[in-house]
Amino acid sequence: MSFEFIGFITDPFVLMFLAISSGLAIGKVQIGRFNLGTSGGMFTGLLIGWYAYKNFALPYKGMENAPKYAALMLEKGVVSKDFFTFTLILFVAAVGLLASKDLGVVVKKYGMKFIVLGFVVTSAGALATWFAAKLIPGQNPFTAAGIYTGALTSSPGLAAALEAVSKLGVEAEAQVGYGYAIGYAPGVLVVIMAMQFFPLIFGINMEEEKKRFRKSMNSVHEESKEEDTDMEDINILAFIFACLLGYFVGSVNIYLGPFIQYFSLGATGGVLITSLVLGHIGKIGFMNFRMNTRVLGAVRELSLSFFLAIVGLRYGYETISSFTGSGAILAFEALICGFVAILSGFLVGRYLFKLDWIVLSGALCGGMTSTPGLGAAIDSAKSDDPAAGYGATYPVALLAMVIFTILLQKLI
């Protein structure tokens, strides 16, 4: 009998389970009215990911005969991106189906406001990044574009930045990727903290905001009472179909002219929009997209726990290592970029548009294109309702991200 200890503790499943279990334990710690909740897994994932990569992968970098566990980690990261995408799809599909009941009235009531918020959040982040790049002497312009897409956690923005510099060589692409890797975790952190602390800082009464939101949605609930009695516990075929169709929709590239070129929703946007629409429709043939909220809630919680832990594990080494030297400046820049973006959206949404916090919290996360932020908003509100605002703002914010990423490349 043999047992390879290092191979076991560096196994992606073991690392994910460790990050999730320790993160959920930390997330239960209550400090006043604040706790990390499900988001705790991201923070423990950052530490575990940093330690694993530093000790079990980095020492073998460039070696031909590296151990299998080290070679896999160097090739695919501490946890493969495939796990990241899979758990993200499950989370977004569950959230979309849960929030679909309010989609029609939310879009009808707040549609134009969400369009404006999508551009406010993304433009404020781009402006903050531009100012920072001008103030910091000698900053690489390609890194700045990467920081912007990372701080707003936008994979489509990253794709646009990489495409814009592709003719300039591998080094330019590497700088974009480096900025994204450093900016991603601080960007997620900003949104999670905003969802937790904005209600405390601005004196928002969560119960009153829920009543205000539900009052706006009452007409939808009245219309859907009869349909809600026909819910299934879980229709596996319908759930998988929503994921499959959404993944296809997210993969379609739409040509928007020579300046922007191609735009796509990506896995997150495609699955979210499709799930919202199918859930709103309700039933197609033998596929019922109205499913038991408790079952979908369990799917959402489980997939979100994995997703957040994977975010931490994948970006742990770059994030923690960036706290020394010039990387610390870039991480701080990402924090400022994310904070300016979400605060601008909050001020416009709350004080100009007079939106309730429930729908606004989702819209802010959609404007930041932040799926982890949506998880934090749902956790903070103890309700899935923020997802409706997220789904309405997300597509607009993605398009705006692509536009501003290209503009940043040219201006910096």
Foldseek 3Di string as FASTA:
>chain_A
DDDDVLLVCLPLVNLLVVLLVVQQVQQVDDDPPDGLHLLRSLVSLLVSLQVCCVPQAVVCPPPPPHDPSNVCCVVQNSHHCVLLLVLLLLQLLLLLLQQLLQQVLCCVVCVVVLLVLLLLLLVLLLVLLLVLVVVDPPDDLLLSLLLSCQLLVHPQLLVLSCVLCVVVDDVSNVSSPLSNLQLNVLSLVLLLVCLRCVCVVVVADLVVLVVVVCVSRVVSCVVCVVVLVVAAQDDVVLSVVLQVQLQVQQPDWDQDDDLLGTAGLHSNLSSNLSSSVQSNVADDVPRGSRHDSVNSVVSNSVSLSSNSNVSSNRSSNSHVVLCDDPSVVSSVSSNVSSNSSLVSSCCCCCPVVVHRCLCSSLSSSLSSVHPSSLVSNCVSSVHSNNVSSNSSNNVSNRSSSSNSSSVSSVPD
